[in-house]
Amino acid sequence: MEALLELQREVGGAGLAAPQAGYAIRVAVSDPLVLINPEIIDRSEETMTLREGCISIPGFHGFIERSRRVRVRARDVDGGWREFDAEDGLAVIVQHELDHLDGVLYPDLLPEGEELRRSEAPRTRRRLSVWRRARSK
């Protein structure tokens, strides 16, 4: 779990799902959260639309509508179950990372007719460089 948190910090992402780092396990992190076998068990009807990017698709972003609040059930690093509510930005991060665990990327959620947009180059180049170096280990 520490390796995922370290990679998330190094890349500078808001979160990271284990499959993004080459691990075939249902784990997602968003420093300091470690979610093992997580699931969303409830979500608000109220939504919000925010700009999302992803280290799996460097250099692009899109505007995605997500639930404003989610209730999450997951195991913690000690093996115990925990439930918590995530709201606003944290809710978006949790939904984004849990989507990865189900094989969904944020472009899959773009509204019809919307396309990905190019992101700023300097930050993207740094993230891509770190990401490639980490994946080659």
Protein backbone atom coordinates (compact mmCIF):
# COMPACT_ATOMS: atom_id res chain seq x y z
CA MET A 1 0.00 0.00 0.00
CA GLU A 2 2.86 2.33 0.79
CA ALA A 3 4.21 1.90 -2.75
CA LEU A 4 0.90 3.12 -4.19
CA LEU A 5 0.82 6.13 -1.87
CA GLU A 6 4.43 6.93 -2.74
CA LEU A 7 3.70 6.74 -6.48
CA GLN A 8 0.59 8.88 -6.08
CA ARG A 9 2.63 11.53 -4.26
CA GLU A 10 5.47 11.36 -6.79
CA VAL A 11 3.19 11.70 -9.80
CA GLY A 12 1.24 14.47 -8.10
CA GLY A 13 -2.17 12.98 -8.74
CA ALA A 14 -5.14 13.36 -6.41
CA GLY A 15 -5.48 9.59 -6.21
CA LEU A 16 -4.30 6.33 -7.72
CA ALA A 17 -5.87 2.95 -8.37
CA ALA A 18 -3.71 -0.18 -8.13
CA PRO A 19 -4.39 -1.26 -11.76
CA GLN A 20 -2.83 2.00 -12.95
CA ALA A 21 0.43 0.89 -11.34
CA GLY A 22 0.22 -2.62 -12.73
CA TYR A 23 -1.29 -4.34 -9.68
CA ALA A 24 -4.29 -6.61 -10.28
CA ILE A 25 -5.94 -5.84 -6.93
CA ARG A 26 -8.95 -3.76 -5.88
CA VAL A 27 -7.10 -1.01 -4.02
CA ALA A 28 -7.33 2.74 -4.44
CA VAL A 29 -5.44 5.44 -2.59
CA SER A 30 -5.81 9.15 -2.09
CA ASP A 31 -3.26 10.23 0.47
CA PRO A 32 -3.84 9.40 3.29
CA LEU A 33 -6.78 7.11 2.38
CA VAL A 34 -6.16 3.47 1.51
CA LEU A 35 -9.30 1.72 0.26
CA ILE A 36 -9.21 -2.06 -0.10
CA ASN A 37 -12.11 -3.75 -1.93
CA PRO A 38 -14.03 -0.47 -1.88
CA GLU A 39 -17.58 0.02 -3.03
CA ILE A 40 -19.93 2.95 -3.19
CA ILE A 41 -23.01 1.96 -1.19
CA ASP A 42 -24.95 5.20 -1.53
CA ARG A 43 -24.75 8.40 -3.54
CA SER A 44 -26.55 11.71 -3.54
CA GLU A 45 -28.86 12.70 -6.33
CA GLU A 46 -27.22 16.11 -6.26
CA THR A 47 -24.35 16.27 -8.74
CA MET A 48 -21.51 18.56 -9.63
CA THR A 49 -19.41 18.95 -12.76
CA LEU A 50 -15.68 19.34 -12.38
CA ARG A 51 -12.61 19.23 -14.59
CA GLU A 52 -10.96 15.81 -14.39
CA GLY A 53 -7.67 14.56 -15.68
CA CYS A 54 -5.85 11.31 -15.19
CA ILE A 55 -2.28 10.07 -15.22
CA SER A 56 -3.49 7.24 -17.45
CA ILE A 57 -4.40 9.79 -20.14
CA PRO A 58 -1.71 12.47 -19.81
CA GLY A 59 -2.14 15.81 -21.48
CA PHE A 60 -5.94 15.86 -21.53
CA HIS A 61 -8.90 16.67 -19.30
CA GLY A 62 -12.67 16.71 -19.48
CA PHE A 63 -15.66 18.00 -17.53
CA ILE A 64 -17.42 15.14 -15.79
CA GLU A 65 -20.67 15.12 -13.82
CA ARG A 66 -20.46 13.14 -10.59
CA SER A 67 -22.44 12.71 -7.39
CA ARG A 68 -21.70 15.43 -4.86
CA ARG A 69 -21.69 12.92 -1.99
CA VAL A 70 -20.94 9.20 -1.84
CA ARG A 71 -20.97 6.71 1.02
CA VAL A 72 -18.06 4.27 0.73
CA ARG A 73 -17.51 0.89 2.33
CA ALA A 74 -13.98 -0.52 2.24
CA ARG A 75 -11.44 -2.49 4.21
CA ASP A 76 -8.63 -0.54 5.80
CA VAL A 77 -4.96 -1.56 6.04
CA ASP A 78 -5.71 -3.47 9.26
CA GLY A 79 -8.37 -5.58 7.50
CA GLY A 80 -11.33 -4.00 9.23
CA TRP A 81 -14.36 -2.65 7.40
CA ARG A 82 -15.07 1.04 7.51
CA GLU A 83 -17.73 3.27 6.05
CA PHE A 84 -17.42 6.98 5.45
CA ASP A 85 -19.01 9.80 3.51
CA ALA A 86 -16.98 11.67 0.92
CA GLU A 87 -18.26 15.03 -0.29
CA ASP A 88 -17.40 17.50 -3.02
CA GLY A 89 -13.80 17.15 -4.26
CA LEU A 90 -13.08 14.01 -2.23
CA ALA A 91 -16.28 12.43 -3.59
CA VAL A 92 -15.05 13.10 -7.13
CA ILE A 93 -11.63 11.59 -6.40
CA VAL A 94 -13.17 8.49 -4.83
CA GLN A 95 -15.57 7.98 -7.74
CA HIS A 96 -12.78 8.49 -10.27
CA GLU A 97 -10.45 5.97 -8.58
CA LEU A 98 -13.17 3.38 -7.98
CA ASP A 99 -14.12 3.67 -11.65
CA HIS A 100 -10.56 2.52 -12.48
CA LEU A 101 -11.16 -0.62 -10.43
CA ASP A 102 -14.15 -1.38 -12.66
CA GLY A 103 -12.33 -0.66 -15.93
CA VAL A 104 -13.94 2.75 -16.46
CA LEU A 105 -11.94 5.83 -17.45
CA TYR A 106 -13.31 9.35 -17.15
CA PRO A 107 -13.63 9.84 -20.96
CA ASP A 108 -16.21 7.04 -20.87
CA LEU A 109 -18.37 9.42 -18.82
CA LEU A 110 -18.14 12.47 -21.07
CA PRO A 111 -21.53 13.77 -22.12
CA GLU A 112 -22.47 12.96 -25.69
CA GLY A 113 -20.82 15.38 -28.09
CA GLU A 114 -18.14 16.41 -25.57
CA GLU A 115 -14.51 15.67 -26.30
CA LEU A 116 -11.33 15.63 -24.26
CA ARG A 117 -9.44 18.91 -24.12
CA ARG A 118 -5.68 19.43 -24.11
CA SER A 119 -4.11 20.31 -20.74
CA GLU A 120 -1.18 22.56 -19.91
CA ALA A 121 2.09 21.08 -21.20
CA PRO A 122 4.73 21.65 -18.42
CA ARG A 123 2.86 19.80 -15.65
CA THR A 124 1.77 17.09 -18.07
CA ARG A 125 5.34 16.45 -19.26
CA ARG A 126 6.59 16.13 -15.67
CA ARG A 127 3.79 13.73 -14.71
CA LEU A 128 4.33 11.62 -17.82
CA SER A 129 8.08 11.43 -17.15
CA VAL A 130 7.54 10.32 -13.53
CA TRP A 131 4.81 7.91 -14.59
CA ARG A 132 6.95 6.21 -17.25
CA ARG A 133 9.88 5.90 -14.85
CA ALA A 134 7.66 4.37 -12.14
CA ARG A 135 5.99 1.92 -14.54
CA SER A 136 9.36 0.68 -15.82
CA LYS A 137 10.54 -0.40 -12.31
